């Protein structure tokens, strides 16, 4: 699984970006983002909501999820993106913390192919706002392995 993530990361420019992270939701987000465009700098809750909205779409709604990525993460191309996410039966994430001053969110991402034990990683996502104020995930840095949430 980690090899697949690293292969996807290799399609990106720069060594600090890895495979796009994934996120666990306890509730399903609507098809369109419920987050209003933040006025000025977003707060921690808005950053967390944007990340949760993105990961709630994975791996089933790739076209919608793609629209929530910034230009740096889209540089790898939509074909590589769909090939990467198409390997997973489920993707879950748990937001750990958000830092509005740095526009970053730390999240534990859990990937499952369904045929073996899930793999968890800690990622730091860098957010940007587009011209309309919509929050986008622009960079994804893998910080290392993580414990699968809820796994004794």
Foldseek 3Di string as FASTA:
>chain_A
DVVLFQVLQVLAPDDQFIRDFAAADPDAADLDQPQAQDDPQDDWVSLVSLRVNLRSCPPPNLVSNLVQADPRSCSSDSVSNNVSRVQFPHKHKDWDTADSVQQKTWIWIWTHNPPDDIWIWIKIWHWDADPNRRIHGYGIGTPGGDDDPPDD
